[in-house]
């Protein structure tokens, strides 16, 4: 089975954080190479756990993936934008 995922890498607190947003799986490393290895291991563990629980296909379906033969393809956006929002209202206090 082949699964295509998107992974973003960020500098955060002196580390490289890797995030697979479709599956909400993340990991990190001191270098980009370590973060790449670490996120691959985290995704493998995620998939293994889902398979053990018998939920892999359901998780992928719910995450927007489509099965095409033996491949799972992530959904593609119609459009991607980056925008800036301003919020002047103070945060509500929660008790």
PDB file of N, CA and C in Angstrom:
ATOM      1  N   UNK A   1       0.845  -1.168   0.000  1.00  0.00           N
ATOM      2  CA  UNK A   1       0.000   0.000   0.000  1.00  0.00           C
ATOM      3  C   UNK A   1       0.892   1.234   0.000  1.00  0.00           C
ATOM      4  N   UNK A   2       0.521   2.220  -0.773  1.00  0.00           N
ATOM      5  CA  UNK A   2       1.262   3.470  -0.844  1.00  0.00           C
ATOM      6  C   UNK A   2       0.343   4.596  -0.399  1.00  0.00           C
ATOM      7  N   UNK A   3       0.870   5.486   0.455  1.00  0.00           N
ATOM      8  CA  UNK A   3       0.108   6.621   0.952  1.00  0.00           C
ATOM      9  C   UNK A   3       0.927   7.888   0.709  1.00  0.00           C
ATOM     10  N   UNK A   4       0.353   8.834  -0.001  1.00  0.00           N
ATOM     11  CA  UNK A   4       1.002  10.120  -0.254  1.00  0.00           C
ATOM     12  C   UNK A   4       0.560  11.099   0.814  1.00  0.00           C
ATOM     13  N   UNK A   5       1.522  11.670   1.539  1.00  0.00           N
ATOM     14  CA  UNK A   5       1.210  12.641   2.577  1.00  0.00           C
ATOM     15  C   UNK A   5       2.000  13.920   2.355  1.00  0.00           C
ATOM     16  N   UNK A   6       1.568  14.969   2.987  1.00  0.00           N
ATOM     17  CA  UNK A   6       2.210  16.279   2.946  1.00  0.00           C
ATOM     18  C   UNK A   6       2.905  16.487   4.288  1.00  0.00           C
ATOM     19  N   UNK A   7       4.149  16.923   4.278  1.00  0.00           N
ATOM     20  CA  UNK A   7       4.872  17.178   5.523  1.00  0.00           C
ATOM     21  C   UNK A   7       5.459  18.580   5.461  1.00  0.00           C
ATOM     22  N   UNK A   8       5.185  19.368   6.500  1.00  0.00           N
ATOM     23  CA  UNK A   8       5.751  20.714   6.643  1.00  0.00           C
ATOM     24  C   UNK A   8       6.827  20.658   7.713  1.00  0.00           C
ATOM     25  N   UNK A   9       7.874  21.457   7.524  1.00  0.00           N
ATOM     26  CA  UNK A   9       8.977  21.537   8.500  1.00  0.00           C
ATOM     27  C   UNK A   9       9.096  22.984   8.975  1.00  0.00           C
ATOM     28  N   UNK A  10       9.231  23.164  10.283  1.00  0.00           N
ATOM     29  CA  UNK A  10       9.289  24.478  10.893  1.00  0.00           C
ATOM     30  C   UNK A  10      10.464  24.569  11.858  1.00  0.00           C
ATOM     31  N   UNK A  11      11.053  25.756  11.966  1.00  0.00           N
ATOM     32  CA  UNK A  11      12.012  26.036  13.039  1.00  0.00           C
ATOM     33  C   UNK A  11      11.195  26.404  14.267  1.00  0.00           C
ATOM     34  N   UNK A  12      11.458  25.742  15.385  1.00  0.00           N
ATOM     35  CA  UNK A  12      10.709  26.027  16.606  1.00  0.00           C
ATOM     36  C   UNK A  12      11.570  25.722  17.825  1.00  0.00           C
ATOM     37  N   UNK A  13      11.851  26.725  18.627  1.00  0.00           N
ATOM     38  CA  UNK A  13      12.624  26.572  19.865  1.00  0.00           C
ATOM     39  C   UNK A  13      13.937  25.829  19.648  1.00  0.00           C
ATOM     40  N   UNK A  14      14.656  26.155  18.584  1.00  0.00           N
ATOM     41  CA  UNK A  14      15.956  25.554  18.314  1.00  0.00           C
ATOM     42  C   UNK A  14      15.896  24.171  17.692  1.00  0.00           C
ATOM     43  N   UNK A  15      14.704  23.702  17.351  1.00  0.00           N
ATOM     44  CA  UNK A  15      14.531  22.385  16.734  1.00  0.00           C
ATOM     45  C   UNK A  15      13.869  22.545  15.371  1.00  0.00           C
ATOM     46  N   UNK A  16      13.880  21.473  14.610  1.00  0.00           N
ATOM     47  CA  UNK A  16      13.096  21.399  13.383  1.00  0.00           C
ATOM     48  C   UNK A  16      11.901  20.504  13.702  1.00  0.00           C
ATOM     49  N   UNK A  17      10.704  21.072  13.599  1.00  0.00           N
ATOM     50  CA  UNK A  17       9.478  20.325  13.856  1.00  0.00           C
ATOM     51  C   UNK A  17       8.885  19.915  12.516  1.00  0.00           C
ATOM     52  N   UNK A  18       8.519  18.649  12.406  1.00  0.00           N
ATOM     53  CA  UNK A  18       7.898  18.111  11.198  1.00  0.00           C
ATOM     54  C   UNK A  18       6.434  17.810  11.503  1.00  0.00           C
ATOM     55  N   UNK A  19       5.540  18.234  10.614  1.00  0.00           N
ATOM     56  CA  UNK A  19       4.109  18.051  10.822  1.00  0.00           C
ATOM     57  C   UNK A  19       3.460  17.498   9.566  1.00  0.00           C
ATOM     58  N   UNK A  20       2.717  16.427   9.729  1.00  0.00           N
ATOM     59  CA  UNK A  20       1.864  15.894   8.669  1.00  0.00           C
ATOM     60  C   UNK A  20       0.443  16.357   9.012  1.00  0.00           C
ATOM     61  N   UNK A  21      -0.013  17.466   8.406  1.00  0.00           N
ATOM     62  CA  UNK A  21      -1.277  18.062   8.828  1.00  0.00           C
ATOM     63  C   UNK A  21      -2.506  17.193   8.577  1.00  0.00           C
ATOM     64  N   UNK A  22      -2.512  16.398   7.512  1.00  0.00           N
ATOM     65  CA  UNK A  22      -3.691  15.572   7.217  1.00  0.00           C
ATOM     66  C   UNK A  22      -3.967  14.560   8.325  1.00  0.00           C
ATOM     67  N   UNK A  23      -2.912  14.040   8.921  1.00  0.00           N
ATOM     68  CA  UNK A  23      -3.062  12.997   9.935  1.00  0.00           C
ATOM     69  C   UNK A  23      -2.791  13.504  11.345  1.00  0.00           C
ATOM     70  N   UNK A  24      -2.395  14.771  11.474  1.00  0.00           N
ATOM     71  CA  UNK A  24      -2.058  15.372  12.765  1.00  0.00           C
ATOM     72  C   UNK A  24      -0.972  14.579  13.488  1.00  0.00           C
ATOM     73  N   UNK A  25       0.044  14.181  12.727  1.00  0.00           N
ATOM     74  CA  UNK A  25       1.210  13.480  13.271  1.00  0.00           C
ATOM     75  C   UNK A  25       2.385  14.435  13.176  1.00  0.00           C
ATOM     76  N   UNK A  26       3.132  14.557  14.270  1.00  0.00           N
ATOM     77  CA  UNK A  26       4.299  15.440  14.248  1.00  0.00           C
ATOM     78  C   UNK A  26       5.466  14.787  14.956  1.00  0.00           C
ATOM     79  N   UNK A  27       6.642  15.310  14.684  1.00  0.00           N
ATOM     80  CA  UNK A  27       7.862  14.852  15.335  1.00  0.00           C
ATOM     81  C   UNK A  27       8.886  15.968  15.186  1.00  0.00           C
ATOM     82  N   UNK A  28      10.130  15.717  15.582  1.00  0.00           N
ATOM     83  CA  UNK A  28      11.127  16.783  15.527  1.00  0.00           C
ATOM     84  C   UNK A  28      12.522  16.197  15.477  1.00  0.00           C
ATOM     85  N   UNK A  29      13.489  17.065  15.241  1.00  0.00           N
ATOM     86  CA  UNK A  29      14.899  16.692  15.260  1.00  0.00           C
ATOM     87  C   UNK A  29      15.746  17.936  15.402  1.00  0.00           C
ATOM     88  N   UNK A  30      17.011  17.738  15.730  1.00  0.00           N
ATOM     89  CA  UNK A  30      17.940  18.866  15.833  1.00  0.00           C
ATOM     90  C   UNK A  30      18.304  19.414  14.458  1.00  0.00           C
ATOM     91  N   UNK A  31      18.233  18.566  13.437  1.00  0.00           N
ATOM     92  CA  UNK A  31      18.539  18.964  12.064  1.00  0.00           C
ATOM     93  C   UNK A  31      17.378  18.564  11.172  1.00  0.00           C
ATOM     94  N   UNK A  32      17.364  19.086   9.965  1.00  0.00           N
ATOM     95  CA  UNK A  32      16.321  18.723   9.007  1.00  0.00           C
ATOM     96  C   UNK A  32      16.349  17.222   8.735  1.00  0.00           C
ATOM     97  N   UNK A  33      17.543  16.659   8.598  1.00  0.00           N
ATOM     98  CA  UNK A  33      17.665  15.227   8.333  1.00  0.00           C
ATOM     99  C   UNK A  33      17.097  14.399   9.489  1.00  0.00           C
ATOM    100  N   UNK A  34      17.376  14.812  10.730  1.00  0.00           N
ATOM    101  CA  UNK A  34      16.833  14.103  11.894  1.00  0.00           C
ATOM    102  C   UNK A  34      15.311  14.224  11.936  1.00  0.00           C
ATOM    103  N   UNK A  35      14.796  15.410  11.616  1.00  0.00           N
ATOM    104  CA  UNK A  35      13.344  15.605  11.612  1.00  0.00           C
ATOM    105  C   UNK A  35      12.686  14.757  10.527  1.00  0.00           C
ATOM    106  N   UNK A  36      13.317  14.646   9.368  1.00  0.00           N
ATOM    107  CA  UNK A  36      12.782  13.815   8.286  1.00  0.00           C
ATOM    108  C   UNK A  36      12.722  12.348   8.700  1.00  0.00           C
ATOM    109  N   UNK A  37      13.796  11.869   9.310  1.00  0.00           N
ATOM    110  CA  UNK A  37      13.819  10.481   9.782  1.00  0.00           C
ATOM    111  C   UNK A  37      12.782  10.271  10.873  1.00  0.00           C
ATOM    112  N   UNK A  38      12.697  11.226  11.788  1.00  0.00           N
ATOM    113  CA  UNK A  38      11.792  11.124  12.923  1.00  0.00           C
ATOM    114  C   UNK A  38      10.319  11.118  12.499  1.00  0.00           C
ATOM    115  N   UNK A  39       9.945  11.967  11.541  1.00  0.00           N
ATOM    116  CA  UNK A  39       8.540  11.997  11.107  1.00  0.00           C
ATOM    117  C   UNK A  39       8.187  10.723  10.352  1.00  0.00           C
ATOM    118  N   UNK A  40       9.121  10.171   9.595  1.00  0.00           N
ATOM    119  CA  UNK A  40       8.862   8.904   8.907  1.00  0.00           C
ATOM    120  C   UNK A  40       8.619   7.792   9.914  1.00  0.00           C
ATOM    121  N   UNK A  41       9.424   7.747  10.982  1.00  0.00           N
ATOM    122  CA  UNK A  41       9.230   6.751  12.039  1.00  0.00           C
ATOM    123  C   UNK A  41       7.892   6.960  12.742  1.00  0.00           C
ATOM    124  N   UNK A  42       7.548   8.222  13.023  1.00  0.00           N
ATOM    125  CA  UNK A  42       6.276   8.519  13.691  1.00  0.00           C
ATOM    126  C   UNK A  42       5.091   8.094  12.822  1.00  0.00           C
ATOM    127  N   UNK A  43       5.181   8.340  11.521  1.00  0.00           N
ATOM    128  CA  UNK A  43       4.106   7.936  10.618  1.00  0.00           C
ATOM    129  C   UNK A  43       4.003   6.422  10.517  1.00  0.00           C
ATOM    130  N   UNK A  44       5.139   5.737  10.470  1.00  0.00           N
ATOM    131  CA  UNK A  44       5.113   4.271  10.444  1.00  0.00           C
ATOM    132  C   UNK A  44       4.436   3.722  11.696  1.00  0.00           C
ATOM    133  N   UNK A  45       4.771   4.274  12.865  1.00  0.00           N
ATOM    134  CA  UNK A  45       4.135   3.844  14.114  1.00  0.00           C
ATOM    135  C   UNK A  45       2.646   4.161  14.109  1.00  0.00           C
ATOM    136  N   UNK A  46       2.280   5.316  13.582  1.00  0.00           N
ATOM    137  CA  UNK A  46       0.873   5.697  13.473  1.00  0.00           C
ATOM    138  C   UNK A  46       0.118   4.677  12.618  1.00  0.00           C
ATOM    139  N   UNK A  47       0.675   4.365  11.435  1.00  0.00           N
ATOM    140  CA  UNK A  47       0.022   3.413  10.537  1.00  0.00           C
ATOM    141  C   UNK A  47      -0.046   2.017  11.160  1.00  0.00           C
ATOM    142  N   UNK A  48       1.033   1.588  11.807  1.00  0.00           N
ATOM    143  CA  UNK A  48       1.039   0.274  12.464  1.00  0.00           C
ATOM    144  C   UNK A  48      -0.030   0.207  13.545  1.00  0.00           C
ATOM    145  N   UNK A  49      -0.150   1.264  14.344  1.00  0.00           N
ATOM    146  CA  UNK A  49      -1.168   1.302  15.394  1.00  0.00           C
ATOM    147  C   UNK A  49      -2.565   1.239  14.820  1.00  0.00           C
ATOM    148  N   UNK A  50      -2.805   1.982  13.749  1.00  0.00           N
ATOM    149  CA  UNK A  50      -4.119   1.945  13.103  1.00  0.00           C
ATOM    150  C   UNK A  50      -4.416   0.561  12.546  1.00  0.00           C
ATOM    151  N   UNK A  51      -3.412  -0.074  11.929  1.00  0.00           N
ATOM    152  CA  UNK A  51      -3.616  -1.417  11.383  1.00  0.00           C
ATOM    153  C   UNK A  51      -3.919  -2.419  12.487  1.00  0.00           C
ATOM    154  N   UNK A  52      -3.189  -2.313  13.611  1.00  0.00           N
ATOM    155  CA  UNK A  52      -3.428  -3.230  14.736  1.00  0.00           C
ATOM    156  C   UNK A  52      -4.848  -3.092  15.273  1.00  0.00           C
ATOM    157  N   UNK A  53      -5.372  -1.851  15.272  1.00  0.00           N
ATOM    158  CA  UNK A  53      -6.730  -1.617  15.769  1.00  0.00           C
ATOM    159  C   UNK A  53      -7.779  -1.846  14.680  1.00  0.00           C
ATOM    160  N   UNK A  54      -7.336  -2.083  13.457  1.00  0.00           N
ATOM    161  CA  UNK A  54      -8.263  -2.297  12.350  1.00  0.00           C
ATOM    162  C   UNK A  54      -8.960  -1.024  11.898  1.00  0.00           C
ATOM    163  N   UNK A  55      -8.316   0.132  12.099  1.00  0.00           N
ATOM    164  CA  UNK A  55      -8.967   1.404  11.783  1.00  0.00           C
ATOM    165  C   UNK A  55      -8.278   2.191  10.668  1.00  0.00           C
ATOM    166  N   UNK A  56      -7.257   1.638  10.048  1.00  0.00           N
ATOM    167  CA  UNK A  56      -6.468   2.410   9.085  1.00  0.00           C
ATOM    168  C   UNK A  56      -7.316   2.973   7.955  1.00  0.00           C
ATOM    169  N   UNK A  57      -8.145   2.155   7.328  1.00  0.00           N
ATOM    170  CA  UNK A  57      -8.957   2.638   6.211  1.00  0.00           C
ATOM    171  C   UNK A  57      -9.936   3.705   6.676  1.00  0.00           C
ATOM    172  N   UNK A  58     -10.544   3.529   7.842  1.00  0.00           N
ATOM    173  CA  UNK A  58     -11.465   4.534   8.373  1.00  0.00           C
ATOM    174  C   UNK A  58     -10.749   5.843   8.658  1.00  0.00           C
ATOM    175  N   UNK A  59      -9.568   5.769   9.267  1.00  0.00           N
ATOM    176  CA  UNK A  59      -8.798   6.979   9.578  1.00  0.00           C
ATOM    177  C   UNK A  59      -8.430   7.720   8.303  1.00  0.00           C
ATOM    178  N   UNK A  60      -7.974   6.991   7.304  1.00  0.00           N
ATOM    179  CA  UNK A  60      -7.605   7.630   6.039  1.00  0.00           C
ATOM    180  C   UNK A  60      -8.816   8.246   5.349  1.00  0.00           C
ATOM    181  N   UNK A  61      -9.943   7.523   5.349  1.00  0.00           N
ATOM    182  CA  UNK A  61     -11.180   8.083   4.778  1.00  0.00           C
ATOM    183  C   UNK A  61     -11.574   9.374   5.492  1.00  0.00           C
ATOM    184  N   UNK A  62     -11.574   9.353   6.819  1.00  0.00           N
ATOM    185  CA  UNK A  62     -11.973  10.524   7.606  1.00  0.00           C
ATOM    186  C   UNK A  62     -10.995  11.676   7.454  1.00  0.00           C
ATOM    187  N   UNK A  63      -9.755  11.381   7.096  1.00  0.00           N
ATOM    188  CA  UNK A  63      -8.735  12.416   6.916  1.00  0.00           C
ATOM    189  C   UNK A  63      -8.719  12.981   5.499  1.00  0.00           C
ATOM    190  N   UNK A  64      -9.648  12.519   4.663  1.00  0.00           N
ATOM    191  CA  UNK A  64      -9.777  13.080   3.325  1.00  0.00           C
ATOM    192  C   UNK A  64      -9.010  12.365   2.237  1.00  0.00           C
ATOM    193  N   UNK A  65      -8.450  11.204   2.530  1.00  0.00           N
ATOM    194  CA  UNK A  65      -7.729  10.438   1.519  1.00  0.00           C
ATOM    195  C   UNK A  65      -8.704   9.636   0.672  1.00  0.00           C
ATOM    196  N   UNK A  66      -8.311   9.386  -0.580  1.00  0.00           N
ATOM    197  CA  UNK A  66      -9.107   8.579  -1.493  1.00  0.00           C
ATOM    198  C   UNK A  66      -8.270   7.384  -1.925  1.00  0.00           C
ATOM    199  N   UNK A  67      -8.888   6.214  -1.906  1.00  0.00           N
ATOM    200  CA  UNK A  67      -8.182   5.005  -2.321  1.00  0.00           C
ATOM    201  C   UNK A  67      -8.307   4.829  -3.828  1.00  0.00           C
ATOM    202  N   UNK A  68      -7.152   4.679  -4.486  1.00  0.00           N
ATOM    203  CA  UNK A  68      -7.098   4.428  -5.924  1.00  0.00           C
ATOM    204  C   UNK A  68      -6.206   3.205  -6.107  1.00  0.00           C
ATOM    205  N   UNK A  69      -6.821   2.045  -6.315  1.00  0.00           N
ATOM    206  CA  UNK A  69      -6.057   0.797  -6.395  1.00  0.00           C
ATOM    207  C   UNK A  69      -5.401   0.508  -5.063  1.00  0.00           C
ATOM    208  N   UNK A  70      -4.078   0.368  -5.065  1.00  0.00           N
ATOM    209  CA  UNK A  70      -3.366   0.110  -3.810  1.00  0.00           C
ATOM    210  C   UNK A  70      -2.736   1.382  -3.248  1.00  0.00           C
ATOM    211  N   UNK A  71      -3.130   2.543  -3.782  1.00  0.00           N
ATOM    212  CA  UNK A  71      -2.602   3.825  -3.308  1.00  0.00           C
ATOM    213  C   UNK A  71      -3.693   4.619  -2.594  1.00  0.00           C
ATOM    214  N   UNK A  72      -3.283   5.399  -1.613  1.00  0.00           N
ATOM    215  CA  UNK A  72      -4.160   6.363  -0.946  1.00  0.00           C
ATOM    216  C   UNK A  72      -3.650   7.748  -1.316  1.00  0.00           C
ATOM    217  N   UNK A  73      -4.500   8.547  -1.925  1.00  0.00           N
ATOM    218  CA  UNK A  73      -4.129   9.872  -2.399  1.00  0.00           C
ATOM    219  C   UNK A  73      -4.783  10.910  -1.491  1.00  0.00           C
ATOM    220  N   UNK A  74      -3.975  11.879  -1.025  1.00  0.00           N
ATOM    221  CA  UNK A  74      -4.540  12.919  -0.175  1.00  0.00           C
ATOM    222  C   UNK A  74      -5.356  13.875  -1.016  1.00  0.00           C
ATOM    223  N   UNK A  75      -6.362  14.478  -0.401  1.00  0.00           N
ATOM    224  CA  UNK A  75      -7.196  15.422  -1.138  1.00  0.00           C
ATOM    225  C   UNK A  75      -6.364  16.639  -1.533  1.00  0.00           C
ATOM    226  N   UNK A  76      -6.698  17.189  -2.662  1.00  0.00           N
ATOM    227  CA  UNK A  76      -5.984  18.339  -3.191  1.00  0.00           C
ATOM    228  C   UNK A  76      -6.864  19.576  -3.066  1.00  0.00           C
ATOM    229  N   UNK A  77      -6.305  20.677  -2.600  1.00  0.00           N
ATOM    230  CA  UNK A  77      -7.120  21.891  -2.486  1.00  0.00           C
ATOM    231  C   UNK A  77      -7.472  22.455  -3.856  1.00  0.00           C
ATOM    232  N   UNK A  78      -8.606  23.087  -3.930  1.00  0.00           N
ATOM    233  CA  UNK A  78      -9.006  23.785  -5.138  1.00  0.00           C
ATOM    234  C   UNK A  78      -8.194  25.068  -5.254  1.00  0.00           C
ATOM    235  N   UNK A  79      -7.905  25.673  -4.085  1.00  0.00           N
ATOM    236  CA  UNK A  79      -7.145  26.912  -4.043  1.00  0.00           C
ATOM    237  C   UNK A  79      -6.477  27.001  -2.680  1.00  0.00           C
ATOM    238  N   UNK A  80      -5.274  27.545  -2.644  1.00  0.00           N
ATOM    239  CA  UNK A  80      -4.564  27.774  -1.394  1.00  0.00           C
ATOM    240  C   UNK A  80      -4.165  29.241  -1.339  1.00  0.00           C
ATOM    241  N   UNK A  81      -4.475  29.884  -0.213  1.00  0.00           N
ATOM    242  CA  UNK A  81      -4.086  31.274  -0.032  1.00  0.00           C
ATOM    243  C   UNK A  81      -3.459  31.439   1.342  1.00  0.00           C
ATOM    244  N   UNK A  82      -2.722  32.494   1.480  1.00  0.00           N
ATOM    245  CA  UNK A  82      -2.208  32.881   2.788  1.00  0.00           C
ATOM    246  C   UNK A  82      -2.796  34.248   3.063  1.00  0.00           C
ATOM    247  N   UNK A  83      -3.375  34.412   4.228  1.00  0.00           N
ATOM    248  CA  UNK A  83      -4.038  35.671   4.540  1.00  0.00           C
ATOM    249  C   UNK A  83      -3.670  36.122   5.933  1.00  0.00           C
ATOM    250  N   UNK A  84      -3.920  37.383   6.215  1.00  0.00           N
ATOM    251  CA  UNK A  84      -3.658  37.961   7.528  1.00  0.00           C
ATOM    252  C   UNK A  84      -4.976  38.435   8.102  1.00  0.00           C
ATOM    253  N   UNK A  85      -5.244  38.080   9.347  1.00  0.00           N
ATOM    254  CA  UNK A  85      -6.468  38.482  10.019  1.00  0.00           C
ATOM    255  C   UNK A  85      -6.122  39.307  11.241  1.00  0.00           C
ATOM    256  N   UNK A  86      -6.954  40.289  11.537  1.00  0.00           N
ATOM    257  CA  UNK A  86      -6.790  41.062  12.763  1.00  0.00           C
ATOM    258  C   UNK A  86      -7.966  40.777  13.664  1.00  0.00           C
ATOM    259  N   UNK A  87      -7.686  40.674  14.931  1.00  0.00           N
ATOM    260  CA  UNK A  87      -8.733  40.401  15.898  1.00  0.00           C
ATOM    261  C   UNK A  87      -8.538  41.363  17.053  1.00  0.00           C
ATOM    262  N   UNK A  88      -9.485  42.272  17.236  1.00  0.00           N
ATOM    263  CA  UNK A  88      -9.345  43.289  18.276  1.00  0.00           C
ATOM    264  C   UNK A  88     -10.140  42.963  19.533  1.00  0.00           C
ATOM    265  N   UNK A  89     -11.009  41.988  19.474  1.00  0.00           N
ATOM    266  CA  UNK A  89     -11.832  41.626  20.610  1.00  0.00           C
ATOM    267  C   UNK A  89     -10.981  40.802  21.600  1.00  0.00           C
ATOM    268  N   UNK A  90     -10.990  41.154  22.885  1.00  0.00           N
ATOM    269  CA  UNK A  90     -10.201  40.383  23.848  1.00  0.00           C
ATOM    270  C   UNK A  90     -10.756  38.972  24.022  1.00  0.00           C
ATOM    271  N   UNK A  91      -9.859  38.062  24.338  1.00  0.00           N
ATOM    272  CA  UNK A  91     -10.263  36.671  24.535  1.00  0.00           C
ATOM    273  C   UNK A  91     -11.215  36.565  25.719  1.00  0.00           C
ATOM    274  N   UNK A  92     -12.207  35.707  25.582  1.00  0.00           N
ATOM    275  CA  UNK A  92     -13.160  35.500  26.672  1.00  0.00           C
ATOM    276  C   UNK A  92     -12.507  34.698  27.784  1.00  0.00           C
ATOM    277  N   UNK A  93     -12.859  35.023  28.988  1.00  0.00           N
ATOM    278  CA  UNK A  93     -12.341  34.284  30.143  1.00  0.00           C
ATOM    279  C   UNK A  93     -13.210  33.050  30.370  1.00  0.00           C
ATOM    280  N   UNK A  94     -12.558  31.942  30.571  1.00  0.00           N
ATOM    281  CA  UNK A  94     -13.279  30.697  30.819  1.00  0.00           C
ATOM    282  C   UNK A  94     -13.115  30.322  32.288  1.00  0.00           C
ATOM    283  N   UNK A  95     -14.211  29.951  32.899  1.00  0.00           N
ATOM    284  CA  UNK A  95     -14.142  29.593  34.319  1.00  0.00           C
ATOM    285  C   UNK A  95     -14.128  28.093  34.477  1.00  0.00           C
TER     286      UNK A  95
END
